[in-house]
């Protein structure tokens, strides 16, 4: 699952910053948004929008960043975001499965 999420995030980053830049720098779980990718704040906003469209409102990048201090934001890796998305989507899938396994009401 994490490799799928990493591939999707990499695709989103290519869409945002252009593939010429990312071809020179392979995106891995250890790639940092600030030091390695040099993402600007407007690019974070674009990434947040793409994540929202792909994964829904539960994956709120801005809320995830708001929980961190500035040093943690600057040091954040792609792997941290992948883990966050994995947790959120796993929880959403579990909720959906729990809801579908409940007995249907007689009508």
N, C-alpha and C. Protein backbone atom coordinates (compact mmCIF):
# COMPACT_ATOMS: atom_id res chain seq x y z
N UNK A 1 0.83 -1.20 0.00
CA UNK A 1 0.00 0.00 0.00
C UNK A 1 0.87 1.26 0.00
N UNK A 2 1.94 1.25 0.84
CA UNK A 2 2.80 2.44 0.92
C UNK A 2 3.46 2.74 -0.42
N UNK A 3 3.85 1.69 -1.17
CA UNK A 3 4.50 1.94 -2.46
C UNK A 3 3.50 2.54 -3.45
N UNK A 4 2.23 2.14 -3.35
CA UNK A 4 1.21 2.73 -4.21
C UNK A 4 1.01 4.20 -3.88
N UNK A 5 0.95 4.51 -2.59
CA UNK A 5 0.78 5.90 -2.16
C UNK A 5 1.99 6.73 -2.58
N UNK A 6 3.20 6.17 -2.39
CA UNK A 6 4.42 6.87 -2.79
C UNK A 6 4.39 7.17 -4.29
N UNK A 7 3.98 6.20 -5.08
CA UNK A 7 3.90 6.41 -6.54
C UNK A 7 2.89 7.50 -6.87
N UNK A 8 1.75 7.52 -6.18
CA UNK A 8 0.73 8.55 -6.43
C UNK A 8 1.24 9.93 -6.04
N UNK A 9 1.90 10.03 -4.89
CA UNK A 9 2.44 11.32 -4.46
C UNK A 9 3.52 11.78 -5.42
N UNK A 10 4.36 10.85 -5.88
CA UNK A 10 5.39 11.21 -6.85
C UNK A 10 4.75 11.76 -8.12
N UNK A 11 3.68 11.12 -8.59
CA UNK A 11 2.97 11.62 -9.75
C UNK A 11 2.41 13.01 -9.53
N UNK A 12 1.89 13.26 -8.34
CA UNK A 12 1.36 14.58 -8.02
C UNK A 12 2.48 15.61 -8.00
N UNK A 13 3.63 15.24 -7.43
CA UNK A 13 4.76 16.16 -7.39
C UNK A 13 5.27 16.48 -8.79
N UNK A 14 5.29 15.48 -9.66
CA UNK A 14 5.69 15.71 -11.06
C UNK A 14 4.73 16.70 -11.70
N UNK A 15 3.44 16.53 -11.42
CA UNK A 15 2.43 17.44 -11.97
C UNK A 15 2.64 18.87 -11.47
N UNK A 16 3.06 18.99 -10.20
CA UNK A 16 3.21 20.32 -9.59
C UNK A 16 4.52 21.00 -9.99
N UNK A 17 5.64 20.29 -9.86
CA UNK A 17 6.95 20.94 -10.07
C UNK A 17 7.58 20.62 -11.42
N UNK A 18 7.02 19.68 -12.14
CA UNK A 18 7.57 19.33 -13.45
C UNK A 18 8.49 18.13 -13.37
N UNK A 19 8.44 17.29 -14.36
CA UNK A 19 9.20 16.05 -14.31
C UNK A 19 10.68 16.25 -14.54
N UNK A 20 11.10 17.35 -15.19
CA UNK A 20 12.53 17.56 -15.41
C UNK A 20 13.26 17.62 -14.07
N UNK A 21 12.67 18.29 -13.11
CA UNK A 21 13.29 18.42 -11.80
C UNK A 21 13.32 17.08 -11.08
N UNK A 22 12.20 16.37 -11.09
CA UNK A 22 12.11 15.12 -10.35
C UNK A 22 12.90 13.99 -11.00
N UNK A 23 13.13 14.06 -12.31
CA UNK A 23 13.93 13.03 -12.96
C UNK A 23 15.35 13.04 -12.41
N UNK A 24 15.82 14.22 -12.03
CA UNK A 24 17.17 14.33 -11.48
C UNK A 24 17.22 13.84 -10.04
N UNK A 25 16.11 13.80 -9.39
CA UNK A 25 16.03 13.45 -7.97
C UNK A 25 14.92 12.44 -7.78
N UNK A 26 15.30 11.16 -7.60
CA UNK A 26 14.28 10.14 -7.38
C UNK A 26 13.58 10.39 -6.05
N UNK A 27 12.26 10.34 -6.07
CA UNK A 27 11.49 10.55 -4.85
C UNK A 27 11.39 9.22 -4.11
N UNK A 28 11.84 9.23 -2.85
CA UNK A 28 11.78 8.05 -2.00
C UNK A 28 11.08 8.43 -0.70
N UNK A 29 10.92 7.46 0.18
CA UNK A 29 10.29 7.73 1.49
C UNK A 29 11.14 8.71 2.30
N UNK A 30 12.44 8.78 2.04
CA UNK A 30 13.33 9.66 2.80
C UNK A 30 13.48 11.05 2.19
N UNK A 31 12.95 11.24 1.00
CA UNK A 31 13.03 12.55 0.33
C UNK A 31 12.29 13.59 1.18
N UNK A 32 12.95 14.72 1.41
CA UNK A 32 12.30 15.78 2.19
C UNK A 32 11.71 16.81 1.24
N UNK A 33 10.59 17.37 1.68
CA UNK A 33 9.90 18.36 0.86
C UNK A 33 10.69 19.66 0.77
N UNK A 34 11.34 20.05 1.85
CA UNK A 34 12.05 21.32 1.86
C UNK A 34 13.44 21.21 1.27
N UNK A 35 14.29 20.39 1.84
CA UNK A 35 15.68 20.34 1.43
C UNK A 35 15.87 19.67 0.06
N UNK A 36 15.23 18.51 -0.14
CA UNK A 36 15.43 17.76 -1.37
C UNK A 36 14.60 18.30 -2.54
N UNK A 37 13.33 18.58 -2.30
CA UNK A 37 12.44 19.02 -3.37
C UNK A 37 12.29 20.53 -3.47
N UNK A 38 12.67 21.23 -2.39
CA UNK A 38 12.58 22.70 -2.34
C UNK A 38 11.17 23.18 -2.71
N UNK A 39 10.15 22.51 -2.15
CA UNK A 39 8.77 22.89 -2.42
C UNK A 39 8.46 24.25 -1.79
N UNK A 40 7.82 25.09 -2.54
CA UNK A 40 7.40 26.40 -2.06
C UNK A 40 6.00 26.27 -1.47
N UNK A 41 5.59 27.27 -0.72
CA UNK A 41 4.29 27.19 -0.05
C UNK A 41 3.15 27.02 -1.05
N UNK A 42 3.22 27.68 -2.19
CA UNK A 42 2.15 27.56 -3.19
C UNK A 42 2.11 26.14 -3.75
N UNK A 43 3.26 25.48 -3.81
CA UNK A 43 3.30 24.10 -4.27
C UNK A 43 2.71 23.15 -3.23
N UNK A 44 2.89 23.47 -1.96
CA UNK A 44 2.23 22.70 -0.90
C UNK A 44 0.71 22.83 -1.02
N UNK A 45 0.25 24.02 -1.33
CA UNK A 45 -1.19 24.25 -1.50
C UNK A 45 -1.71 23.41 -2.67
N UNK A 46 -0.95 23.40 -3.77
CA UNK A 46 -1.34 22.59 -4.93
C UNK A 46 -1.34 21.10 -4.58
N UNK A 47 -0.35 20.66 -3.82
CA UNK A 47 -0.30 19.26 -3.38
C UNK A 47 -1.50 18.94 -2.50
N UNK A 48 -1.83 19.84 -1.58
CA UNK A 48 -2.99 19.63 -0.71
C UNK A 48 -4.26 19.46 -1.52
N UNK A 49 -4.41 20.26 -2.57
CA UNK A 49 -5.60 20.17 -3.41
C UNK A 49 -5.65 18.83 -4.15
N UNK A 50 -4.52 18.40 -4.70
CA UNK A 50 -4.48 17.12 -5.40
C UNK A 50 -4.76 15.95 -4.44
N UNK A 51 -4.20 16.03 -3.23
CA UNK A 51 -4.44 14.98 -2.23
C UNK A 51 -5.92 14.93 -1.86
N UNK A 52 -6.53 16.10 -1.72
CA UNK A 52 -7.95 16.18 -1.38
C UNK A 52 -8.80 15.53 -2.47
N UNK A 53 -8.47 15.83 -3.73
CA UNK A 53 -9.23 15.25 -4.84
C UNK A 53 -9.05 13.74 -4.91
N UNK A 54 -7.84 13.27 -4.62
CA UNK A 54 -7.55 11.83 -4.74
C UNK A 54 -8.09 11.04 -3.55
N UNK A 55 -7.87 11.54 -2.34
CA UNK A 55 -8.16 10.77 -1.13
C UNK A 55 -9.35 11.27 -0.32
N UNK A 56 -9.89 12.42 -0.66
CA UNK A 56 -11.03 12.95 0.07
C UNK A 56 -10.62 13.91 1.17
N UNK A 57 -11.61 14.44 1.84
CA UNK A 57 -11.40 15.48 2.85
C UNK A 57 -10.65 14.98 4.08
N UNK A 58 -10.68 13.66 4.34
CA UNK A 58 -9.99 13.14 5.52
C UNK A 58 -8.48 13.35 5.43
N UNK A 59 -7.93 13.34 4.22
CA UNK A 59 -6.50 13.59 4.05
C UNK A 59 -6.33 15.10 3.84
N UNK A 60 -6.19 15.79 4.95
CA UNK A 60 -6.10 17.25 4.96
C UNK A 60 -4.64 17.63 5.24
N UNK A 61 -3.89 17.93 4.19
CA UNK A 61 -2.46 18.24 4.34
C UNK A 61 -2.25 19.44 5.24
N UNK A 62 -3.07 20.47 5.09
CA UNK A 62 -2.87 21.67 5.89
C UNK A 62 -3.09 21.39 7.39
N UNK A 63 -4.07 20.58 7.71
CA UNK A 63 -4.29 20.21 9.11
C UNK A 63 -3.14 19.36 9.62
N UNK A 64 -2.64 18.46 8.78
CA UNK A 64 -1.49 17.62 9.14
C UNK A 64 -0.28 18.50 9.42
N UNK A 65 -0.04 19.51 8.59
CA UNK A 65 1.08 20.42 8.81
C UNK A 65 0.87 21.28 10.04
N UNK A 66 -0.38 21.65 10.31
CA UNK A 66 -0.67 22.52 11.46
C UNK A 66 -0.33 21.86 12.79
N UNK A 67 -0.28 20.52 12.80
CA UNK A 67 0.07 19.79 14.02
C UNK A 67 1.57 19.80 14.29
N UNK A 68 2.37 20.30 13.34
CA UNK A 68 3.82 20.27 13.46
C UNK A 68 4.37 21.66 13.73
N UNK A 69 5.55 21.70 14.38
CA UNK A 69 6.22 22.98 14.53
C UNK A 69 7.04 23.25 13.25
N UNK A 70 7.60 24.43 13.14
CA UNK A 70 8.28 24.83 11.91
C UNK A 70 9.45 23.90 11.58
N UNK A 71 10.23 23.49 12.56
CA UNK A 71 11.36 22.59 12.30
C UNK A 71 10.88 21.25 11.75
N UNK A 72 9.78 20.74 12.29
CA UNK A 72 9.24 19.46 11.82
C UNK A 72 8.69 19.59 10.40
N UNK A 73 8.10 20.72 10.09
CA UNK A 73 7.59 20.95 8.73
C UNK A 73 8.76 21.00 7.75
N UNK A 74 9.79 21.72 8.12
CA UNK A 74 10.95 21.86 7.23
C UNK A 74 11.67 20.53 7.02
N UNK A 75 11.61 19.65 8.02
CA UNK A 75 12.30 18.36 7.93
C UNK A 75 11.40 17.23 7.43
N UNK A 76 10.14 17.52 7.16
CA UNK A 76 9.18 16.47 6.82
C UNK A 76 9.57 15.74 5.54
N UNK A 77 9.48 14.42 5.62
CA UNK A 77 9.81 13.59 4.46
C UNK A 77 8.53 13.14 3.75
N UNK A 78 8.72 12.69 2.52
CA UNK A 78 7.61 12.13 1.75
C UNK A 78 7.05 10.93 2.50
N UNK A 79 7.93 10.16 3.15
CA UNK A 79 7.49 8.99 3.91
C UNK A 79 6.53 9.34 5.03
N UNK A 80 6.72 10.48 5.67
CA UNK A 80 5.78 10.90 6.72
C UNK A 80 4.40 11.14 6.14
N UNK A 81 4.35 11.77 4.98
CA UNK A 81 3.06 12.01 4.33
C UNK A 81 2.44 10.70 3.87
N UNK A 82 3.25 9.80 3.33
CA UNK A 82 2.76 8.48 2.91
C UNK A 82 2.15 7.75 4.12
N UNK A 83 2.84 7.79 5.26
CA UNK A 83 2.34 7.15 6.48
C UNK A 83 1.03 7.76 6.94
N UNK A 84 0.94 9.08 6.88
CA UNK A 84 -0.29 9.78 7.26
C UNK A 84 -1.45 9.36 6.36
N UNK A 85 -1.21 9.36 5.06
CA UNK A 85 -2.26 8.97 4.12
C UNK A 85 -2.64 7.51 4.34
N UNK A 86 -1.66 6.66 4.57
CA UNK A 86 -1.92 5.25 4.83
C UNK A 86 -2.81 5.05 6.05
N UNK A 87 -2.52 5.79 7.11
CA UNK A 87 -3.33 5.68 8.34
C UNK A 87 -4.76 6.16 8.09
N UNK A 88 -4.88 7.30 7.41
CA UNK A 88 -6.20 7.87 7.16
C UNK A 88 -7.02 6.95 6.26
N UNK A 89 -6.42 6.49 5.16
CA UNK A 89 -7.17 5.64 4.24
C UNK A 89 -7.49 4.29 4.86
N UNK A 90 -6.59 3.77 5.69
CA UNK A 90 -6.86 2.50 6.38
C UNK A 90 -8.05 2.66 7.32
N UNK A 91 -8.07 3.76 8.06
CA UNK A 91 -9.18 4.03 8.98
C UNK A 91 -10.49 4.20 8.20
N UNK A 92 -10.43 4.92 7.08
CA UNK A 92 -11.63 5.12 6.26
C UNK A 92 -12.14 3.80 5.71
N UNK A 93 -11.22 2.95 5.24
CA UNK A 93 -11.62 1.64 4.72
C UNK A 93 -12.22 0.77 5.82
N UNK A 94 -11.64 0.84 7.01
CA UNK A 94 -12.16 0.05 8.14
C UNK A 94 -13.57 0.52 8.51
N UNK A 95 -13.77 1.85 8.51
CA UNK A 95 -15.11 2.38 8.82
C UNK A 95 -16.11 1.94 7.76
N UNK A 96 -15.70 1.99 6.50
CA UNK A 96 -16.60 1.60 5.41
C UNK A 96 -16.94 0.12 5.51
N UNK A 97 -15.95 -0.70 5.83
CA UNK A 97 -16.18 -2.14 5.96
C UNK A 97 -17.10 -2.43 7.14
N UNK A 98 -16.92 -1.71 8.23
CA UNK A 98 -17.77 -1.90 9.41
C UNK A 98 -19.20 -1.51 9.08
N UNK A 99 -19.36 -0.44 8.33
CA UNK A 99 -20.69 0.03 7.97
C UNK A 99 -21.39 -0.92 7.02
N UNK A 100 -20.65 -1.54 6.12
CA UNK A 100 -21.28 -2.45 5.15
C UNK A 100 -21.57 -3.83 5.74
N UNK A 101 -20.89 -4.14 6.86
CA UNK A 101 -21.14 -5.45 7.47
C UNK A 101 -22.27 -5.43 8.48
N UNK A 102 -22.82 -4.24 8.74
CA UNK A 102 -23.93 -4.18 9.67
C UNK A 102 -25.19 -4.71 8.96
N UNK A 103 -26.06 -5.35 9.71
CA UNK A 103 -27.24 -5.93 9.08
C UNK A 103 -28.12 -4.85 8.46
N UNK A 104 -28.66 -5.15 7.32
CA UNK A 104 -29.56 -4.22 6.65
C UNK A 104 -30.88 -4.17 7.41
N UNK A 105 -31.42 -2.99 7.48
CA UNK A 105 -32.69 -2.86 8.21
C UNK A 105 -33.83 -3.39 7.36
N UNK A 106 -34.74 -4.04 7.98
CA UNK A 106 -35.89 -4.59 7.27
C UNK A 106 -36.79 -3.44 6.86
N UNK A 107 -37.26 -3.47 5.63
CA UNK A 107 -38.02 -2.32 5.19
C UNK A 107 -39.35 -2.73 4.82
